Amino acid sequence: MKREKYFAVLLVICILSYFMMVNLSMIAVAEDMSDHQFDIVRRHAMIYDLKNSFLMQKELIEYICSLTNFEYDDSEFLVNECKNKNIDPFIVLGVIKRESDFNPVAQGAAGERGLGQLMENTAKPVAENLGYVYDPDKLFETRYNLKLTITQIAYLVELYNNDMHKALTAYNRGQIGLIEYMENNNNENSAVSDYSNMVLKFAYEYEKNYVQESTEKKS
């Protein structure tokens, strides 16, 4: 009798163990499916973000083409350089508009050359720091000048802790020129200049126009 009760208890334990194993297996399968579905959703979101980012960049490049008359590849180069150096492309466009009116062969009375109207005392060290062979005639080449101009702007923005008025006024006057200007300027922000205000005005207008055109295309 005791043996029969023992076998009965053992049978119940085995049955319960079996159902527990089945239940755990089903939970594991459900979790795997849930994780798999989450991965699918995450991948789809990532693909959507990349696609959306690509389309936005394409729209920006096309906007720059229409604004500047640059070739598509040159406009794409500008956007990618700004992205790599974490610089607002509209600030760069504002500088180029103010300096050369987007004319790659513009030449100033004091020897400034190209889109960013770079002087040799700025362009030469920037080019050499980039590992480029400095050639003053190459300053009239769109991408060469863009590379140096964007690099110089990025350097100044970082140097002055993202103070755009200091960075832009220094781009225009040089770093020593900025110090002298600030010493003689009684404005609340002594780095504010006609030059920095003009560049920021252009940048604001270009960004506003770009957003407006982009919104109209989607509506």
N, C-alpha and C. Protein backbone atom coordinates (compact mmCIF):
# COMPACT_ATOMS: atom_id res chain seq x y z
N MET A 1 0.83 -1.21 0.00
CA MET A 1 0.00 0.00 0.00
C MET A 1 0.86 1.25 0.00
N LYS A 2 1.92 1.19 0.85
CA LYS A 2 2.83 2.34 0.90
C LYS A 2 3.52 2.54 -0.44
N ARG A 3 3.87 1.37 -1.07
CA ARG A 3 4.54 1.45 -2.36
C ARG A 3 3.63 2.11 -3.39
N GLU A 4 2.33 1.76 -3.38
CA GLU A 4 1.38 2.35 -4.34
C GLU A 4 1.24 3.85 -4.12
N LYS A 5 1.18 4.26 -2.84
CA LYS A 5 1.08 5.70 -2.54
C LYS A 5 2.34 6.43 -3.00
N TYR A 6 3.48 5.77 -2.83
CA TYR A 6 4.76 6.37 -3.25
C TYR A 6 4.78 6.61 -4.75
N PHE A 7 4.34 5.52 -5.50
CA PHE A 7 4.31 5.65 -6.96
C PHE A 7 3.30 6.70 -7.42
N ALA A 8 2.20 6.83 -6.70
CA ALA A 8 1.18 7.83 -7.05
C ALA A 8 1.73 9.25 -6.87
N VAL A 9 2.41 9.44 -5.73
CA VAL A 9 3.03 10.76 -5.48
C VAL A 9 4.09 11.06 -6.52
N LEU A 10 4.90 10.06 -6.84
CA LEU A 10 5.95 10.23 -7.83
C LEU A 10 5.38 10.58 -9.19
N LEU A 11 4.24 9.91 -9.54
CA LEU A 11 3.58 10.19 -10.82
C LEU A 11 3.08 11.63 -10.88
N VAL A 12 2.49 12.09 -9.77
CA VAL A 12 2.00 13.47 -9.72
C VAL A 12 3.14 14.46 -9.89
N ILE A 13 4.27 14.18 -9.20
CA ILE A 13 5.44 15.06 -9.30
C ILE A 13 5.95 15.11 -10.74
N CYS A 14 5.99 13.94 -11.39
CA CYS A 14 6.47 13.89 -12.78
C CYS A 14 5.56 14.68 -13.71
N ILE A 15 4.24 14.51 -13.50
CA ILE A 15 3.28 15.23 -14.35
C ILE A 15 3.42 16.74 -14.16
N LEU A 16 3.52 17.15 -12.87
CA LEU A 16 3.68 18.59 -12.59
C LEU A 16 4.98 19.13 -13.19
N SER A 17 6.05 18.35 -13.08
CA SER A 17 7.34 18.76 -13.64
C SER A 17 7.25 18.93 -15.15
N TYR A 18 6.53 17.99 -15.78
CA TYR A 18 6.37 18.06 -17.24
C TYR A 18 5.67 19.34 -17.66
N PHE A 19 4.55 19.63 -16.96
CA PHE A 19 3.80 20.84 -17.32
C PHE A 19 4.59 22.12 -17.02
N MET A 20 5.39 22.07 -15.96
CA MET A 20 6.24 23.23 -15.66
C MET A 20 7.27 23.44 -16.76
N MET A 21 7.85 22.34 -17.26
CA MET A 21 8.83 22.44 -18.34
C MET A 21 8.18 22.98 -19.61
N VAL A 22 6.97 22.47 -19.90
CA VAL A 22 6.25 22.96 -21.09
C VAL A 22 5.96 24.44 -20.96
N ASN A 23 5.51 24.83 -19.77
CA ASN A 23 5.18 26.23 -19.53
C ASN A 23 6.40 27.13 -19.68
N LEU A 24 7.53 26.69 -19.10
CA LEU A 24 8.77 27.46 -19.22
C LEU A 24 9.23 27.56 -20.67
N SER A 25 9.06 26.46 -21.41
CA SER A 25 9.44 26.46 -22.83
C SER A 25 8.60 27.46 -23.62
N MET A 26 7.30 27.48 -23.31
CA MET A 26 6.40 28.41 -24.00
C MET A 26 6.76 29.85 -23.67
N ILE A 27 7.11 30.09 -22.39
CA ILE A 27 7.52 31.45 -22.00
C ILE A 27 8.78 31.85 -22.74
N ALA A 28 9.75 30.91 -22.82
CA ALA A 28 11.01 31.20 -23.51
C ALA A 28 10.77 31.51 -24.98
N VAL A 29 9.89 30.69 -25.61
CA VAL A 29 9.56 30.93 -27.02
C VAL A 29 8.91 32.29 -27.20
N ALA A 30 7.98 32.61 -26.28
CA ALA A 30 7.29 33.91 -26.35
C ALA A 30 8.27 35.06 -26.19
N GLU A 31 9.24 34.88 -25.25
CA GLU A 31 10.24 35.93 -25.06
C GLU A 31 11.11 36.09 -26.28
N ASP A 32 11.50 34.92 -26.89
CA ASP A 32 12.30 34.98 -28.11
C ASP A 32 11.56 35.70 -29.21
N MET A 33 10.26 35.38 -29.36
CA MET A 33 9.44 36.03 -30.38
C MET A 33 9.32 37.52 -30.10
N SER A 34 9.16 37.85 -28.80
CA SER A 34 9.04 39.26 -28.42
C SER A 34 10.32 40.01 -28.75
N ASP A 35 11.48 39.39 -28.40
CA ASP A 35 12.77 40.01 -28.70
C ASP A 35 12.96 40.15 -30.20
N HIS A 36 12.55 39.10 -30.93
CA HIS A 36 12.68 39.14 -32.39
C HIS A 36 11.83 40.26 -32.98
N GLN A 37 10.59 40.36 -32.49
CA GLN A 37 9.71 41.42 -32.98
C GLN A 37 10.26 42.80 -32.64
N PHE A 38 10.84 42.92 -31.42
CA PHE A 38 11.44 44.20 -31.01
C PHE A 38 12.60 44.55 -31.94
N ASP A 39 13.43 43.52 -32.26
CA ASP A 39 14.55 43.76 -33.17
C ASP A 39 14.06 44.21 -34.54
N ILE A 40 12.97 43.59 -35.02
CA ILE A 40 12.41 43.98 -36.31
C ILE A 40 11.94 45.44 -36.28
N VAL A 41 11.20 45.79 -35.21
CA VAL A 41 10.71 47.17 -35.07
C VAL A 41 11.87 48.14 -35.00
N ARG A 42 12.91 47.75 -34.23
CA ARG A 42 14.07 48.63 -34.08
C ARG A 42 14.80 48.81 -35.41
N ARG A 43 14.93 47.70 -36.16
CA ARG A 43 15.59 47.79 -37.47
C ARG A 43 14.79 48.67 -38.42
N HIS A 44 13.47 48.50 -38.40
CA HIS A 44 12.61 49.32 -39.27
C HIS A 44 12.73 50.80 -38.90
N ALA A 45 12.78 51.09 -37.60
CA ALA A 45 12.92 52.48 -37.15
C ALA A 45 14.26 53.05 -37.59
N MET A 46 15.31 52.22 -37.49
CA MET A 46 16.64 52.66 -37.89
C MET A 46 16.69 52.94 -39.39
N ILE A 47 16.09 52.03 -40.17
CA ILE A 47 16.05 52.21 -41.62
C ILE A 47 15.28 53.48 -41.98
N TYR A 48 14.16 53.70 -41.28
CA TYR A 48 13.35 54.91 -41.53
C TYR A 48 14.15 56.16 -41.21
N ASP A 49 14.87 56.15 -40.07
CA ASP A 49 15.67 57.32 -39.69
C ASP A 49 16.76 57.59 -40.72
N LEU A 50 17.42 56.50 -41.17
CA LEU A 50 18.48 56.66 -42.17
C LEU A 50 17.92 57.19 -43.48
N LYS A 51 16.77 56.62 -43.88
CA LYS A 51 16.13 57.06 -45.12
C LYS A 51 15.71 58.52 -45.01
N ASN A 52 15.11 58.88 -43.86
CA ASN A 52 14.67 60.25 -43.64
C ASN A 52 15.85 61.20 -43.62
N SER A 53 16.94 60.77 -42.96
CA SER A 53 18.15 61.58 -42.90
C SER A 53 18.74 61.77 -44.29
N PHE A 54 18.73 60.69 -45.09
CA PHE A 54 19.25 60.77 -46.45
C PHE A 54 18.44 61.75 -47.29
N LEU A 55 17.11 61.67 -47.17
CA LEU A 55 16.24 62.55 -47.94
C LEU A 55 16.42 64.01 -47.53
N MET A 56 16.57 64.24 -46.21
CA MET A 56 16.78 65.60 -45.73
C MET A 56 18.11 66.15 -46.24
N GLN A 57 19.15 65.31 -46.22
CA GLN A 57 20.45 65.76 -46.71
C GLN A 57 20.38 66.06 -48.21
N LYS A 58 19.67 65.21 -48.94
CA LYS A 58 19.52 65.42 -50.38
C LYS A 58 18.81 66.75 -50.65
N GLU A 59 17.77 67.04 -49.88
CA GLU A 59 17.05 68.30 -50.04
C GLU A 59 17.95 69.49 -49.73
N LEU A 60 18.77 69.36 -48.69
CA LEU A 60 19.69 70.44 -48.32
C LEU A 60 20.72 70.68 -49.42
N ILE A 61 21.25 69.59 -49.96
CA ILE A 61 22.24 69.71 -51.05
C ILE A 61 21.61 70.40 -52.26
N GLU A 62 20.40 70.00 -52.60
CA GLU A 62 19.72 70.61 -53.75
C GLU A 62 19.43 72.09 -53.49
N TYR A 63 19.09 72.42 -52.24
CA TYR A 63 18.85 73.83 -51.88
C TYR A 63 20.14 74.63 -52.05
N ILE A 64 21.26 74.08 -51.60
CA ILE A 64 22.54 74.78 -51.72
C ILE A 64 22.92 74.96 -53.19
N CYS A 65 22.63 73.94 -54.00
CA CYS A 65 22.89 74.06 -55.45
C CYS A 65 22.14 75.25 -56.04
N SER A 66 20.86 75.35 -55.70
CA SER A 66 20.03 76.43 -56.27
C SER A 66 20.45 77.79 -55.72
N LEU A 67 20.92 77.83 -54.48
CA LEU A 67 21.32 79.09 -53.86
C LEU A 67 22.64 79.60 -54.40
N THR A 68 23.59 78.69 -54.57
CA THR A 68 24.97 79.08 -54.86
C THR A 68 25.41 78.87 -56.30
N ASN A 69 24.64 78.05 -57.04
CA ASN A 69 25.04 77.60 -58.38
C ASN A 69 26.25 76.68 -58.35
N PHE A 70 26.55 76.08 -57.18
CA PHE A 70 27.59 75.06 -57.11
C PHE A 70 27.10 73.80 -57.81
N GLU A 71 28.06 72.98 -58.26
CA GLU A 71 27.72 71.65 -58.74
C GLU A 71 27.20 70.81 -57.58
N TYR A 72 26.41 69.78 -57.90
CA TYR A 72 25.83 68.94 -56.84
C TYR A 72 26.92 68.33 -55.96
N ASP A 73 27.98 67.82 -56.59
CA ASP A 73 29.06 67.19 -55.83
C ASP A 73 29.74 68.18 -54.89
N ASP A 74 29.88 69.42 -55.33
CA ASP A 74 30.51 70.44 -54.48
C ASP A 74 29.60 70.80 -53.31
N SER A 75 28.30 70.87 -53.57
CA SER A 75 27.34 71.14 -52.50
C SER A 75 27.31 69.99 -51.49
N GLU A 76 27.39 68.77 -52.00
CA GLU A 76 27.44 67.60 -51.12
C GLU A 76 28.72 67.62 -50.29
N PHE A 77 29.81 68.03 -50.90
CA PHE A 77 31.09 68.14 -50.18
C PHE A 77 30.96 69.14 -49.03
N LEU A 78 30.33 70.27 -49.30
CA LEU A 78 30.13 71.29 -48.26
C LEU A 78 29.33 70.71 -47.09
N VAL A 79 28.23 70.04 -47.40
CA VAL A 79 27.37 69.48 -46.35
C VAL A 79 28.13 68.44 -45.53
N ASN A 80 28.87 67.56 -46.20
CA ASN A 80 29.60 66.51 -45.49
C ASN A 80 30.72 67.08 -44.63
N GLU A 81 31.40 68.10 -45.13
CA GLU A 81 32.46 68.74 -44.33
C GLU A 81 31.88 69.39 -43.08
N CYS A 82 30.75 70.05 -43.23
CA CYS A 82 30.09 70.67 -42.08
C CYS A 82 29.66 69.61 -41.07
N LYS A 83 29.15 68.50 -41.58
CA LYS A 83 28.71 67.42 -40.69
C LYS A 83 29.91 66.84 -39.94
N ASN A 84 31.01 66.61 -40.65
CA ASN A 84 32.21 66.03 -40.03
C ASN A 84 32.80 66.95 -38.97
N LYS A 85 32.68 68.25 -39.18
CA LYS A 85 33.26 69.21 -38.23
C LYS A 85 32.21 69.81 -37.29
N ASN A 86 31.00 69.29 -37.38
CA ASN A 86 29.91 69.73 -36.50
C ASN A 86 29.67 71.24 -36.59
N ILE A 87 29.64 71.74 -37.82
CA ILE A 87 29.42 73.16 -38.08
C ILE A 87 28.11 73.35 -38.82
N ASP A 88 27.35 74.35 -38.44
CA ASP A 88 26.10 74.68 -39.10
C ASP A 88 26.39 75.08 -40.55
N PRO A 89 25.87 74.34 -41.54
CA PRO A 89 26.15 74.70 -42.94
C PRO A 89 25.62 76.07 -43.33
N PHE A 90 24.57 76.53 -42.63
CA PHE A 90 24.02 77.85 -42.96
C PHE A 90 24.97 78.97 -42.53
N ILE A 91 25.74 78.74 -41.46
CA ILE A 91 26.77 79.70 -41.06
C ILE A 91 27.84 79.77 -42.14
N VAL A 92 28.25 78.61 -42.64
CA VAL A 92 29.25 78.58 -43.71
C VAL A 92 28.73 79.30 -44.95
N LEU A 93 27.49 79.04 -45.30
CA LEU A 93 26.89 79.74 -46.45
C LEU A 93 26.85 81.24 -46.22
N GLY A 94 26.56 81.65 -44.98
CA GLY A 94 26.54 83.07 -44.65
C GLY A 94 27.91 83.71 -44.82
N VAL A 95 28.96 83.01 -44.39
CA VAL A 95 30.32 83.52 -44.54
C VAL A 95 30.68 83.66 -46.02
N ILE A 96 30.39 82.63 -46.79
CA ILE A 96 30.74 82.65 -48.22
C ILE A 96 29.97 83.73 -48.96
N LYS A 97 28.69 83.89 -48.61
CA LYS A 97 27.89 84.96 -49.23
C LYS A 97 28.52 86.32 -48.94
N ARG A 98 28.87 86.54 -47.68
CA ARG A 98 29.44 87.83 -47.27
C ARG A 98 30.81 88.05 -47.90
N GLU A 99 31.59 86.99 -48.03
CA GLU A 99 32.97 87.14 -48.52
C GLU A 99 33.05 87.27 -50.04
N SER A 100 32.35 86.40 -50.76
CA SER A 100 32.56 86.33 -52.21
C SER A 100 31.28 86.29 -53.03
N ASP A 101 30.13 86.33 -52.36
CA ASP A 101 28.85 86.20 -53.06
C ASP A 101 28.82 84.91 -53.88
N PHE A 102 29.42 83.85 -53.32
CA PHE A 102 29.45 82.51 -53.92
C PHE A 102 30.24 82.45 -55.23
N ASN A 103 31.16 83.39 -55.42
CA ASN A 103 31.99 83.41 -56.62
C ASN A 103 33.33 82.73 -56.31
N PRO A 104 33.58 81.54 -56.87
CA PRO A 104 34.81 80.81 -56.53
C PRO A 104 36.10 81.47 -57.02
N VAL A 105 36.00 82.38 -57.97
CA VAL A 105 37.22 83.04 -58.47
C VAL A 105 37.32 84.49 -58.01
N ALA A 106 36.56 84.83 -56.98
CA ALA A 106 36.63 86.20 -56.44
C ALA A 106 38.02 86.47 -55.88
N GLN A 107 38.49 87.69 -56.09
CA GLN A 107 39.80 88.09 -55.57
C GLN A 107 39.71 89.48 -54.98
N GLY A 108 40.18 89.62 -53.74
CA GLY A 108 40.12 90.90 -53.04
C GLY A 108 41.33 91.76 -53.32
N ALA A 109 41.21 93.04 -52.96
CA ALA A 109 42.29 94.00 -53.20
C ALA A 109 43.54 93.68 -52.40
N ALA A 110 43.38 93.02 -51.26
CA ALA A 110 44.53 92.72 -50.40
C ALA A 110 45.06 91.30 -50.63
N GLY A 111 44.58 90.65 -51.68
CA GLY A 111 45.07 89.31 -52.00
C GLY A 111 44.18 88.17 -51.53
N GLU A 112 43.00 88.49 -51.03
CA GLU A 112 42.06 87.45 -50.61
C GLU A 112 41.61 86.65 -51.83
N ARG A 113 41.46 85.33 -51.66
CA ARG A 113 41.13 84.50 -52.81
C ARG A 113 39.99 83.51 -52.53
N GLY A 114 39.16 83.35 -53.56
CA GLY A 114 38.18 82.28 -53.57
C GLY A 114 36.95 82.51 -52.71
N LEU A 115 36.20 81.44 -52.52
CA LEU A 115 34.90 81.51 -51.86
C LEU A 115 34.97 82.13 -50.47
N GLY A 116 35.95 81.71 -49.69
CA GLY A 116 36.07 82.23 -48.32
C GLY A 116 36.99 83.42 -48.22
N GLN A 117 37.46 83.92 -49.38
CA GLN A 117 38.37 85.07 -49.41
C GLN A 117 39.51 84.90 -48.41
N LEU A 118 40.23 83.80 -48.58
CA LEU A 118 41.31 83.45 -47.67
C LEU A 118 42.59 84.18 -48.03
N MET A 119 43.25 84.71 -47.00
CA MET A 119 44.57 85.32 -47.16
C MET A 119 45.63 84.22 -47.01
N GLU A 120 46.79 84.46 -47.57
CA GLU A 120 47.85 83.44 -47.51
C GLU A 120 48.26 83.14 -46.07
N ASN A 121 48.30 84.17 -45.21
CA ASN A 121 48.74 83.93 -43.83
C ASN A 121 47.75 83.05 -43.04
N THR A 122 46.55 82.89 -43.56
CA THR A 122 45.58 81.96 -42.97
C THR A 122 45.55 80.65 -43.74
N ALA A 123 45.46 80.74 -45.05
CA ALA A 123 45.29 79.55 -45.89
C ALA A 123 46.49 78.61 -45.82
N LYS A 124 47.70 79.16 -45.79
CA LYS A 124 48.91 78.32 -45.82
C LYS A 124 49.00 77.41 -44.59
N PRO A 125 48.91 77.96 -43.36
CA PRO A 125 48.99 77.05 -42.20
C PRO A 125 47.81 76.08 -42.10
N VAL A 126 46.62 76.52 -42.51
CA VAL A 126 45.46 75.62 -42.48
C VAL A 126 45.69 74.45 -43.44
N ALA A 127 46.16 74.75 -44.65
CA ALA A 127 46.43 73.71 -45.64
C ALA A 127 47.50 72.75 -45.14
N GLU A 128 48.56 73.29 -44.57
CA GLU A 128 49.66 72.44 -44.10
C GLU A 128 49.22 71.57 -42.93
N ASN A 129 48.38 72.10 -42.05
CA ASN A 129 47.86 71.30 -40.93
C ASN A 129 46.97 70.16 -41.41
N LEU A 130 46.34 70.37 -42.56
CA LEU A 130 45.50 69.32 -43.16
C LEU A 130 46.31 68.31 -43.96
N GLY A 131 47.61 68.59 -44.12
CA GLY A 131 48.46 67.72 -44.92
C GLY A 131 48.37 68.02 -46.40
N TYR A 132 47.84 69.19 -46.74
CA TYR A 132 47.73 69.60 -48.14
C TYR A 132 49.00 70.35 -48.57
N VAL A 133 49.33 70.23 -49.84
CA VAL A 133 50.36 71.08 -50.41
C VAL A 133 49.71 72.44 -50.69
N TYR A 134 50.27 73.50 -50.10
CA TYR A 134 49.65 74.81 -50.30
C TYR A 134 49.99 75.35 -51.68
N ASP A 135 48.95 75.76 -52.37
CA ASP A 135 49.09 76.37 -53.70
C ASP A 135 48.07 77.50 -53.77
N PRO A 136 48.53 78.76 -53.81
CA PRO A 136 47.58 79.88 -53.81
C PRO A 136 46.58 79.83 -54.96
N ASP A 137 46.99 79.27 -56.10
CA ASP A 137 46.07 79.20 -57.23
C ASP A 137 44.93 78.21 -56.97
N LYS A 138 45.19 77.21 -56.11
CA LYS A 138 44.14 76.23 -55.81
C LYS A 138 43.04 76.83 -54.94
N LEU A 139 43.28 78.01 -54.38
CA LEU A 139 42.24 78.69 -53.59
C LEU A 139 41.05 79.08 -54.46
N PHE A 140 41.26 79.07 -55.77
CA PHE A 140 40.15 79.36 -56.69
C PHE A 140 39.36 78.09 -57.03
N GLU A 141 39.82 76.94 -56.55
CA GLU A 141 39.09 75.69 -56.75
C GLU A 141 38.06 75.53 -55.63
N THR A 142 36.85 75.21 -56.01
CA THR A 142 35.74 75.21 -55.06
C THR A 142 35.99 74.33 -53.84
N ARG A 143 36.31 73.07 -54.06
CA ARG A 143 36.43 72.15 -52.91
C ARG A 143 37.66 72.45 -52.06
N TYR A 144 38.75 72.82 -52.69
CA TYR A 144 39.96 73.17 -51.94
C TYR A 144 39.68 74.35 -51.02
N ASN A 145 39.02 75.36 -51.56
CA ASN A 145 38.71 76.55 -50.75
C ASN A 145 37.68 76.22 -49.68
N LEU A 146 36.67 75.44 -50.03
CA LEU A 146 35.66 75.04 -49.04
C LEU A 146 36.31 74.29 -47.88
N LYS A 147 37.21 73.37 -48.20
CA LYS A 147 37.88 72.59 -47.16
C LYS A 147 38.60 73.51 -46.18
N LEU A 148 39.37 74.46 -46.70
CA LEU A 148 40.13 75.37 -45.84
C LEU A 148 39.22 76.33 -45.09
N THR A 149 38.22 76.85 -45.79
CA THR A 149 37.30 77.81 -45.16
C THR A 149 36.53 77.17 -44.02
N ILE A 150 35.96 75.99 -44.25
CA ILE A 150 35.18 75.31 -43.21
C ILE A 150 36.08 74.90 -42.05
N THR A 151 37.30 74.45 -42.36
CA THR A 151 38.25 74.09 -41.30
C THR A 151 38.58 75.29 -40.42
N GLN A 152 38.79 76.45 -41.04
CA GLN A 152 39.11 77.65 -40.28
C GLN A 152 37.92 78.10 -39.42
N ILE A 153 36.73 78.06 -39.99
CA ILE A 153 35.53 78.44 -39.22
C ILE A 153 35.35 77.49 -38.03
N ALA A 154 35.50 76.19 -38.27
CA ALA A 154 35.35 75.20 -37.20
C ALA A 154 36.38 75.43 -36.09
N TYR A 155 37.59 75.74 -36.49
CA TYR A 155 38.65 76.01 -35.50
C TYR A 155 38.29 77.20 -34.63
N LEU A 156 37.81 78.27 -35.24
CA LEU A 156 37.48 79.49 -34.49
C LEU A 156 36.25 79.28 -33.60
N VAL A 157 35.27 78.54 -34.09
CA VAL A 157 34.08 78.27 -33.27
C VAL A 157 34.47 77.48 -32.02
N GLU A 158 35.35 76.50 -32.19
CA GLU A 158 35.81 75.72 -31.03
C GLU A 158 36.68 76.58 -30.12
N LEU A 159 37.55 77.39 -30.70
CA LEU A 159 38.45 78.25 -29.92
C LEU A 159 37.68 79.19 -29.01
N TYR A 160 36.57 79.72 -29.53
CA TYR A 160 35.79 80.71 -28.77
C TYR A 160 34.53 80.10 -28.15
N ASN A 161 34.58 78.78 -27.92
CA ASN A 161 33.50 78.10 -27.19
C ASN A 161 32.11 78.38 -27.77
N ASN A 162 32.00 78.28 -29.08
CA ASN A 162 30.72 78.43 -29.79
C ASN A 162 30.14 79.84 -29.72
N ASP A 163 30.95 80.81 -29.35
CA ASP A 163 30.52 82.22 -29.43
C ASP A 163 30.65 82.64 -30.89
N MET A 164 29.51 82.66 -31.60
CA MET A 164 29.56 82.89 -33.03
C MET A 164 30.03 84.29 -33.37
N HIS A 165 29.72 85.28 -32.55
CA HIS A 165 30.17 86.64 -32.84
C HIS A 165 31.70 86.72 -32.75
N LYS A 166 32.28 86.10 -31.74
CA LYS A 166 33.74 86.09 -31.63
C LYS A 166 34.36 85.34 -32.80
N ALA A 167 33.82 84.16 -33.11
CA ALA A 167 34.37 83.34 -34.18
C ALA A 167 34.30 84.06 -35.53
N LEU A 168 33.17 84.67 -35.81
CA LEU A 168 32.98 85.33 -37.11
C LEU A 168 33.79 86.62 -37.21
N THR A 169 33.83 87.39 -36.13
CA THR A 169 34.62 88.62 -36.15
C THR A 169 36.10 88.29 -36.27
N ALA A 170 36.53 87.20 -35.63
CA ALA A 170 37.92 86.76 -35.76
C ALA A 170 38.21 86.26 -37.17
N TYR A 171 37.24 85.61 -37.79
CA TYR A 171 37.42 85.17 -39.18
C TYR A 171 37.67 86.38 -40.08
N ASN A 172 36.95 87.44 -39.81
CA ASN A 172 37.05 88.65 -40.62
C ASN A 172 38.29 89.48 -40.29
N ARG A 173 38.62 89.61 -39.02
CA ARG A 173 39.69 90.51 -38.59
C ARG A 173 40.97 89.80 -38.15
N GLY A 174 40.89 88.50 -37.96
CA GLY A 174 42.01 87.78 -37.37
C GLY A 174 41.88 87.76 -35.85
N GLN A 175 42.61 86.87 -35.21
CA GLN A 175 42.48 86.73 -33.75
C GLN A 175 43.00 87.95 -33.00
N ILE A 176 44.11 88.51 -33.46
CA ILE A 176 44.62 89.74 -32.84
C ILE A 176 43.67 90.89 -33.12
N GLY A 177 43.15 90.92 -34.34
CA GLY A 177 42.19 91.96 -34.71
C GLY A 177 40.94 91.91 -33.85
N LEU A 178 40.51 90.69 -33.48
CA LEU A 178 39.35 90.54 -32.60
C LEU A 178 39.62 91.16 -31.24
N ILE A 179 40.79 90.89 -30.68
CA ILE A 179 41.15 91.44 -29.37
C ILE A 179 41.14 92.97 -29.41
N GLU A 180 41.75 93.53 -30.43
CA GLU A 180 41.80 94.99 -30.56
C GLU A 180 40.40 95.57 -30.75
N TYR A 181 39.60 94.88 -31.54
CA TYR A 181 38.23 95.35 -31.78
C TYR A 181 37.42 95.34 -30.49
N MET A 182 37.54 94.27 -29.72
CA MET A 182 36.78 94.16 -28.47
C MET A 182 37.21 95.20 -27.44
N GLU A 183 38.49 95.55 -27.45
CA GLU A 183 38.99 96.56 -26.51
C GLU A 183 38.40 97.93 -26.80
N ASN A 184 38.05 98.16 -28.05
CA ASN A 184 37.55 99.48 -28.46
C ASN A 184 36.04 99.50 -28.69
N ASN A 185 35.37 98.39 -28.38
CA ASN A 185 33.94 98.30 -28.64
C ASN A 185 33.18 98.40 -27.32
N ASN A 186 32.23 99.31 -27.26
CA ASN A 186 31.48 99.54 -26.02
C ASN A 186 30.15 98.79 -25.97
N ASN A 187 29.88 97.93 -26.97
CA ASN A 187 28.63 97.17 -26.96
C ASN A 187 28.60 96.19 -25.79
N GLU A 188 27.39 95.77 -25.43
CA GLU A 188 27.25 94.81 -24.33
C GLU A 188 28.04 93.54 -24.61
N ASN A 189 27.94 93.05 -25.84
CA ASN A 189 28.81 91.97 -26.30
C ASN A 189 29.83 92.60 -27.23
N SER A 190 31.03 92.78 -26.73
CA SER A 190 32.03 93.55 -27.47
C SER A 190 32.53 92.85 -28.72
N ALA A 191 32.17 91.58 -28.90
CA ALA A 191 32.60 90.85 -30.10
C ALA A 191 31.65 91.04 -31.27
N VAL A 192 30.46 91.60 -30.99
CA VAL A 192 29.48 91.81 -32.07
C VAL A 192 30.01 92.84 -33.05
N SER A 193 29.94 92.49 -34.32
CA SER A 193 30.41 93.41 -35.37
C SER A 193 29.42 93.43 -36.52
N ASP A 194 29.56 94.41 -37.39
CA ASP A 194 28.71 94.45 -38.59
C ASP A 194 28.87 93.16 -39.39
N TYR A 195 30.12 92.67 -39.42
CA TYR A 195 30.41 91.44 -40.17
C TYR A 195 29.66 90.25 -39.58
N SER A 196 29.78 90.05 -38.26
CA SER A 196 29.12 88.89 -37.63
C SER A 196 27.61 88.99 -37.74
N ASN A 197 27.08 90.20 -37.59
CA ASN A 197 25.63 90.38 -37.73
C ASN A 197 25.16 90.05 -39.14
N MET A 198 25.93 90.47 -40.13
CA MET A 198 25.55 90.21 -41.52
C MET A 198 25.58 88.72 -41.84
N VAL A 199 26.63 88.04 -41.40
CA VAL A 199 26.73 86.60 -41.64
C VAL A 199 25.58 85.85 -40.98
N LEU A 200 25.28 86.20 -39.74
CA LEU A 200 24.19 85.53 -39.02
C LEU A 200 22.83 85.85 -39.65
N LYS A 201 22.70 87.04 -40.20
CA LYS A 201 21.47 87.42 -40.90
C LYS A 201 21.29 86.54 -42.14
N PHE A 202 22.35 86.39 -42.92
CA PHE A 202 22.30 85.51 -44.09
C PHE A 202 21.96 84.08 -43.67
N ALA A 203 22.65 83.60 -42.64
CA ALA A 203 22.45 82.22 -42.18
C ALA A 203 21.00 81.98 -41.77
N TYR A 204 20.44 82.94 -41.04
CA TYR A 204 19.04 82.82 -40.59
C TYR A 204 18.10 82.79 -41.79
N GLU A 205 18.33 83.68 -42.76
CA GLU A 205 17.46 83.74 -43.94
C GLU A 205 17.53 82.45 -44.75
N TYR A 206 18.75 81.92 -44.93
CA TYR A 206 18.91 80.71 -45.71
C TYR A 206 18.25 79.52 -45.03
N GLU A 207 18.42 79.42 -43.72
CA GLU A 207 17.79 78.31 -43.00
C GLU A 207 16.27 78.41 -43.06
N LYS A 208 15.75 79.62 -42.88
CA LYS A 208 14.30 79.82 -42.93
C LYS A 208 13.75 79.46 -44.31
N ASN A 209 14.44 79.89 -45.36
CA ASN A 209 13.99 79.59 -46.72
C ASN A 209 14.05 78.10 -47.02
N TYR A 210 15.12 77.46 -46.52
CA TYR A 210 15.26 76.02 -46.73
C TYR A 210 14.13 75.25 -46.06
N VAL A 211 13.84 75.60 -44.81
CA VAL A 211 12.77 74.93 -44.06
C VAL A 211 11.43 75.15 -44.75
N GLN A 212 11.20 76.37 -45.23
CA GLN A 212 9.94 76.69 -45.90
C GLN A 212 9.80 75.88 -47.19
N GLU A 213 10.86 75.84 -47.99
CA GLU A 213 10.81 75.09 -49.24
C GLU A 213 10.62 73.59 -48.97
N SER A 214 11.31 73.09 -47.96
CA SER A 214 11.20 71.67 -47.62
C SER A 214 9.79 71.32 -47.16
N THR A 215 9.19 72.21 -46.37
CA THR A 215 7.83 71.99 -45.88
C THR A 215 6.82 72.01 -47.02
N GLU A 216 7.00 72.94 -47.95
CA GLU A 216 6.08 73.06 -49.09
C GLU A 216 6.13 71.83 -49.98
N LYS A 217 7.32 71.23 -50.12
CA LYS A 217 7.45 70.03 -50.94
C LYS A 217 6.70 68.85 -50.34
N LYS A 218 6.64 68.81 -49.01
CA LYS A 218 6.00 67.69 -48.32
C LYS A 218 4.50 67.86 -48.17
N SER A 219 4.01 69.09 -48.34
CA SER A 219 2.57 69.34 -48.14
C SER A 219 1.77 69.08 -49.42
